[in-house]
PDB file of all heavy atoms in Angstrom:
ATOM      1  N   ILE A   1     -21.958-259.126 -94.758  1.00  0.00           N
ATOM      2  CA  ILE A   1     -21.414-260.180 -95.676  1.00  0.00           C
ATOM      3  C   ILE A   1     -20.182-259.532 -96.432  1.00  0.00           C
ATOM      4  O   ILE A   1     -19.172-260.198 -96.538  1.00  0.00           O
ATOM      5  CB  ILE A   1     -22.416-260.730 -96.639  1.00  0.00           C
ATOM      6  CG1 ILE A   1     -23.497-261.627 -95.841  1.00  0.00           C
ATOM      7  CG2 ILE A   1     -21.822-261.567 -97.664  1.00  0.00           C
ATOM      8  CD1 ILE A   1     -24.652-261.955 -96.651  1.00  0.00           C
ATOM      9  N   ILE A   2     -20.304-258.422 -97.005  1.00  0.00           N
ATOM     10  CA  ILE A   2     -19.245-257.744 -97.702  1.00  0.00           C
ATOM     11  C   ILE A   2     -18.092-257.489 -96.788  1.00  0.00           C
ATOM     12  O   ILE A   2     -16.956-257.742 -97.149  1.00  0.00           O
ATOM     13  CB  ILE A   2     -19.732-256.457 -98.395  1.00  0.00           C
ATOM     14  CG1 ILE A   2     -20.687-256.836 -99.497  1.00  0.00           C
ATOM     15  CG2 ILE A   2     -18.552-255.708 -98.992  1.00  0.00           C
ATOM     16  CD1 ILE A   2     -21.382-255.602-100.177  1.00  0.00           C
ATOM     17  N   SER A   3     -18.274-257.063 -95.524  1.00  0.00           N
ATOM     18  CA  SER A   3     -17.208-256.805 -94.576  1.00  0.00           C
ATOM     19  C   SER A   3     -16.440-258.177 -94.237  1.00  0.00           C
ATOM     20  O   SER A   3     -15.319-258.143 -94.133  1.00  0.00           O
ATOM     21  CB  SER A   3     -17.723-256.149 -93.355  1.00  0.00           C
ATOM     22  OG  SER A   3     -18.332-254.860 -93.566  1.00  0.00           O
ATOM     23  N   ALA A   4     -17.244-259.181 -94.088  1.00  0.00           N
ATOM     24  CA  ALA A   4     -16.675-260.524 -93.773  1.00  0.00           C
ATOM     25  C   ALA A   4     -15.778-260.978 -94.909  1.00  0.00           C
ATOM     26  O   ALA A   4     -14.632-261.557 -94.750  1.00  0.00           O
ATOM     27  CB  ALA A   4     -17.729-261.574 -93.434  1.00  0.00           C
ATOM     28  N   ILE A   5     -16.266-260.866 -96.175  1.00  0.00           N
ATOM     29  CA  ILE A   5     -15.533-261.237 -97.295  1.00  0.00           C
ATOM     30  C   ILE A   5     -14.243-260.443 -97.400  1.00  0.00           C
ATOM     31  O   ILE A   5     -13.165-261.005 -97.682  1.00  0.00           O
ATOM     32  CB  ILE A   5     -16.274-261.162 -98.618  1.00  0.00           C
ATOM     33  CG1 ILE A   5     -17.452-262.188 -98.581  1.00  0.00           C
ATOM     34  CG2 ILE A   5     -15.473-261.352 -99.850  1.00  0.00           C
ATOM     35  CD1 ILE A   5     -18.434-262.111 -99.671  1.00  0.00           C
ATOM     36  N   ALA A   6     -14.403-259.112 -97.288  1.00  0.00           N
ATOM     37  CA  ALA A   6     -13.184-258.300 -97.327  1.00  0.00           C
ATOM     38  C   ALA A   6     -12.148-258.636 -96.207  1.00  0.00           C
ATOM     39  O   ALA A   6     -10.970-258.709 -96.523  1.00  0.00           O
ATOM     40  CB  ALA A   6     -13.520-256.828 -97.174  1.00  0.00           C
ATOM     41  N   LEU A   7     -12.575-258.931 -95.002  1.00  0.00           N
ATOM     42  CA  LEU A   7     -11.730-259.382 -93.948  1.00  0.00           C
ATOM     43  C   LEU A   7     -10.954-260.763 -94.317  1.00  0.00           C
ATOM     44  O   LEU A   7      -9.743-260.804 -94.072  1.00  0.00           O
ATOM     45  CB  LEU A   7     -12.478-259.553 -92.623  1.00  0.00           C
ATOM     46  CG  LEU A   7     -11.687-259.962 -91.417  1.00  0.00           C
ATOM     47  CD1 LEU A   7     -10.663-258.954 -91.072  1.00  0.00           C
ATOM     48  CD2 LEU A   7     -12.598-260.248 -90.189  1.00  0.00           C
ATOM     49  N   VAL A   8     -11.717-261.648 -94.898  1.00  0.00           N
ATOM     50  CA  VAL A   8     -11.092-262.984 -95.121  1.00  0.00           C
ATOM     51  C   VAL A   8     -10.029-262.752 -96.322  1.00  0.00           C
ATOM     52  O   VAL A   8      -8.993-263.317 -96.282  1.00  0.00           O
ATOM     53  CB  VAL A   8     -12.190-263.939 -95.613  1.00  0.00           C
ATOM     54  CG1 VAL A   8     -11.637-265.166 -96.268  1.00  0.00           C
ATOM     55  CG2 VAL A   8     -13.069-264.330 -94.540  1.00  0.00           C
ATOM     56  N   LEU A   9     -10.345-261.905 -97.317  1.00  0.00           N
ATOM     57  CA  LEU A   9      -9.470-261.690 -98.339  1.00  0.00           C
ATOM     58  C   LEU A   9      -8.185-261.001 -97.870  1.00  0.00           C
ATOM     59  O   LEU A   9      -7.077-261.279 -98.300  1.00  0.00           O
ATOM     60  CB  LEU A   9     -10.005-260.772 -99.451  1.00  0.00           C
ATOM     61  CG  LEU A   9     -11.106-261.523-100.383  1.00  0.00           C
ATOM     62  CD1 LEU A   9     -11.742-260.582-101.284  1.00  0.00           C
ATOM     63  CD2 LEU A   9     -10.434-262.723-101.100  1.00  0.00           C
ATOM     64  N   ASN A  10      -8.259-260.043 -96.923  1.00  0.00           N
ATOM     65  CA  ASN A  10      -7.067-259.271 -96.420  1.00  0.00           C
ATOM     66  C   ASN A  10      -6.312-260.254 -95.629  1.00  0.00           C
ATOM     67  O   ASN A  10      -5.047-260.220 -95.800  1.00  0.00           O
ATOM     68  CB  ASN A  10      -7.561-258.167 -95.476  1.00  0.00           C
ATOM     69  CG  ASN A  10      -8.097-257.021 -96.270  1.00  0.00           C
ATOM     70  OD1 ASN A  10      -7.691-256.772 -97.437  1.00  0.00           O
ATOM     71  ND2 ASN A  10      -8.902-256.115 -95.643  1.00  0.00           N
ATOM     72  N   VAL A  11      -6.846-261.167 -94.791  1.00  0.00           N
ATOM     73  CA  VAL A  11      -6.026-262.127 -94.136  1.00  0.00           C
ATOM     74  C   VAL A  11      -5.340-263.105 -95.064  1.00  0.00           C
ATOM     75  O   VAL A  11      -4.225-263.349 -94.872  1.00  0.00           O
ATOM     76  CB  VAL A  11      -6.976-262.920 -93.105  1.00  0.00           C
ATOM     77  CG1 VAL A  11      -6.251-264.087 -92.515  1.00  0.00           C
ATOM     78  CG2 VAL A  11      -7.463-261.962 -92.035  1.00  0.00           C
ATOM     79  N   ALA A  12      -6.048-263.527 -96.089  1.00  0.00           N
ATOM     80  CA  ALA A  12      -5.467-264.447 -97.067  1.00  0.00           C
ATOM     81  C   ALA A  12      -4.227-263.747 -97.759  1.00  0.00           C
ATOM     82  O   ALA A  12      -3.204-264.388 -98.017  1.00  0.00           O
ATOM     83  CB  ALA A  12      -6.523-264.878 -98.081  1.00  0.00           C
ATOM     84  N   ILE A  13      -4.480-262.589 -98.140  1.00  0.00           N
ATOM     85  CA  ILE A  13      -3.329-261.839 -98.915  1.00  0.00           C
ATOM     86  C   ILE A  13      -2.079-261.580 -97.923  1.00  0.00           C
ATOM     87  O   ILE A  13      -1.064-261.799 -98.300  1.00  0.00           O
ATOM     88  CB  ILE A  13      -3.870-260.489 -99.467  1.00  0.00           C
ATOM     89  CG1 ILE A  13      -4.844-260.754-100.572  1.00  0.00           C
ATOM     90  CG2 ILE A  13      -2.744-259.636 -99.940  1.00  0.00           C
ATOM     91  CD1 ILE A  13      -5.582-259.506-101.100  1.00  0.00           C
ATOM     92  N   ALA A  14      -2.454-261.206 -96.646  1.00  0.00           N
ATOM     93  CA  ALA A  14      -1.373-261.021 -95.650  1.00  0.00           C
ATOM     94  C   ALA A  14      -0.579-262.273 -95.395  1.00  0.00           C
ATOM     95  O   ALA A  14       0.587-262.221 -95.399  1.00  0.00           O
ATOM     96  CB  ALA A  14      -1.867-260.425 -94.412  1.00  0.00           C
ATOM     97  N   SER A  15      -1.306-263.345 -95.273  1.00  0.00           N
ATOM     98  CA  SER A  15      -0.647-264.656 -95.012  1.00  0.00           C
ATOM     99  C   SER A  15       0.206-265.128 -96.280  1.00  0.00           C
ATOM    100  O   SER A  15       1.206-265.727 -96.107  1.00  0.00           O
ATOM    101  CB  SER A  15      -1.602-265.679 -94.483  1.00  0.00           C
ATOM    102  OG  SER A  15      -2.561-265.973 -95.573  1.00  0.00           O
ATOM    103  N   ALA A  16      -0.333-264.836 -97.385  1.00  0.00           N
ATOM    104  CA  ALA A  16       0.444-265.274 -98.561  1.00  0.00           C
ATOM    105  C   ALA A  16       1.710-264.499 -98.617  1.00  0.00           C
ATOM    106  O   ALA A  16       2.768-264.971 -99.119  1.00  0.00           O
ATOM    107  CB  ALA A  16      -0.440-264.986 -99.876  1.00  0.00           C
ATOM    108  N   LYS A  17       1.759-263.151 -98.277  1.00  0.00           N
ATOM    109  CA  LYS A  17       2.969-262.418 -98.376  1.00  0.00           C
ATOM    110  C   LYS A  17       4.028-262.978 -97.364  1.00  0.00           C
ATOM    111  O   LYS A  17       5.172-263.064 -97.660  1.00  0.00           O
ATOM    112  CB  LYS A  17       2.702-260.925 -98.055  1.00  0.00           C
ATOM    113  CG  LYS A  17       2.039-260.239 -99.161  1.00  0.00           C
ATOM    114  CD  LYS A  17       1.811-258.776 -98.831  1.00  0.00           C
ATOM    115  CE  LYS A  17       1.002-258.085 -99.959  1.00  0.00           C
ATOM    116  NZ  LYS A  17       0.791-256.695 -99.623  1.00  0.00           N
ATOM    117  N   GLU A  18       3.598-263.421 -96.230  1.00  0.00           N
ATOM    118  CA  GLU A  18       4.443-263.919 -95.228  1.00  0.00           C
ATOM    119  C   GLU A  18       4.927-265.371 -95.584  1.00  0.00           C
ATOM    120  O   GLU A  18       5.963-265.773 -95.178  1.00  0.00           O
ATOM    121  CB  GLU A  18       3.789-264.068 -93.859  1.00  0.00           C
ATOM    122  CG  GLU A  18       3.497-262.618 -93.302  1.00  0.00           C
ATOM    123  CD  GLU A  18       2.602-262.701 -92.018  1.00  0.00           C
ATOM    124  OE1 GLU A  18       2.402-263.735 -91.456  1.00  0.00           O
ATOM    125  OE2 GLU A  18       2.164-261.570 -91.584  1.00  0.00           O
ATOM    126  N   ALA A  19       4.133-266.081 -96.368  1.00  0.00           N
ATOM    127  CA  ALA A  19       4.560-267.488 -96.745  1.00  0.00           C
ATOM    128  C   ALA A  19       5.668-267.483 -97.715  1.00  0.00           C
ATOM    129  O   ALA A  19       6.282-268.485 -97.835  1.00  0.00           O
ATOM    130  CB  ALA A  19       3.292-268.225 -97.201  1.00  0.00           C
ATOM    131  N   ALA A  20       5.837-266.407 -98.426  1.00  0.00           N
ATOM    132  CA  ALA A  20       6.837-266.396 -99.485  1.00  0.00           C
ATOM    133  C   ALA A  20       7.914-265.409 -99.254  1.00  0.00           C
ATOM    134  O   ALA A  20       7.941-264.410 -99.941  1.00  0.00           O
ATOM    135  CB  ALA A  20       6.253-266.273-100.912  1.00  0.00           C
ATOM    136  N   PRO A  21       8.784-265.531 -98.277  1.00  0.00           N
ATOM    137  CA  PRO A  21       9.711-264.554 -98.079  1.00  0.00           C
ATOM    138  C   PRO A  21      10.838-264.419 -99.108  1.00  0.00           C
ATOM    139  O   PRO A  21      11.089-265.324 -99.790  1.00  0.00           O
ATOM    140  CB  PRO A  21      10.404-264.925 -96.631  1.00  0.00           C
ATOM    141  CG  PRO A  21      10.245-266.370 -96.634  1.00  0.00           C
ATOM    142  CD  PRO A  21       9.016-266.633 -97.330  1.00  0.00           C
ATOM    143  N   LYS A  22      11.311-263.126 -99.248  1.00  0.00           N
ATOM    144  CA  LYS A  22      12.363-262.925-100.356  1.00  0.00           C
ATOM    145  C   LYS A  22      13.667-263.624 -99.895  1.00  0.00           C
ATOM    146  O   LYS A  22      14.086-263.648 -98.671  1.00  0.00           O
ATOM    147  CB  LYS A  22      12.680-261.503-100.478  1.00  0.00           C
ATOM    148  CG  LYS A  22      11.552-260.752-101.136  1.00  0.00           C
ATOM    149  CD  LYS A  22      11.917-259.344-101.527  1.00  0.00           C
ATOM    150  CE  LYS A  22      10.782-258.679-102.281  1.00  0.00           C
ATOM    151  NZ  LYS A  22      11.214-257.390-102.689  1.00  0.00           N
ATOM    152  N   LYS A  23      14.295-264.231-100.864  1.00  0.00           N
ATOM    153  CA  LYS A  23      15.611-264.898-100.681  1.00  0.00           C
ATOM    154  C   LYS A  23      16.804-263.871-100.687  1.00  0.00           C
ATOM    155  O   LYS A  23      16.611-262.836-101.273  1.00  0.00           O
ATOM    156  CB  LYS A  23      15.836-266.033-101.606  1.00  0.00           C
ATOM    157  CG  LYS A  23      14.916-267.163-101.391  1.00  0.00           C
ATOM    158  CD  LYS A  23      15.254-268.302-102.383  1.00  0.00           C
ATOM    159  CE  LYS A  23      14.280-269.444-102.145  1.00  0.00           C
ATOM    160  NZ  LYS A  23      14.608-270.584-103.014  1.00  0.00           N
ATOM    161  N   ASN A  24      17.793-264.240-100.004  1.00  0.00           N
ATOM    162  CA  ASN A  24      18.923-263.260 -99.879  1.00  0.00           C
ATOM    163  C   ASN A  24      19.911-263.385-101.066  1.00  0.00           C
ATOM    164  O   ASN A  24      20.399-262.400-101.540  1.00  0.00           O
ATOM    165  CB  ASN A  24      19.677-263.506 -98.580  1.00  0.00           C
ATOM    166  CG  ASN A  24      20.648-262.401 -98.301  1.00  0.00           C
ATOM    167  OD1 ASN A  24      20.770-261.448 -98.958  1.00  0.00           O
ATOM    168  ND2 ASN A  24      21.539-262.647 -97.273  1.00  0.00           N
ATOM    169  N   TYR A  25      20.037-264.606-101.615  1.00  0.00           N
ATOM    170  CA  TYR A  25      20.989-264.735-102.779  1.00  0.00           C
ATOM    171  C   TYR A  25      22.397-264.139-102.504  1.00  0.00           C
ATOM    172  O   TYR A  25      22.904-263.447-103.379  1.00  0.00           O
ATOM    173  CB  TYR A  25      20.426-264.179-104.056  1.00  0.00           C
ATOM    174  CG  TYR A  25      19.082-264.791-104.376  1.00  0.00           C
ATOM    175  CD1 TYR A  25      17.911-263.978-104.402  1.00  0.00           C
ATOM    176  CD2 TYR A  25      18.931-266.123-104.786  1.00  0.00           C
ATOM    177  CE1 TYR A  25      16.693-264.490-104.774  1.00  0.00           C
ATOM    178  CE2 TYR A  25      17.710-266.629-105.104  1.00  0.00           C
ATOM    179  CZ  TYR A  25      16.657-265.782-105.118  1.00  0.00           C
ATOM    180  OH  TYR A  25      15.343-266.352-105.467  1.00  0.00           O
TER     181      TYR A  25
END
């Protein structure tokens, strides 16, 4: 259960980083 929760959190964090790319300005 702990491994499954950790895996879900890692995927959520990784997808959040990709969803908000840095702008160039």
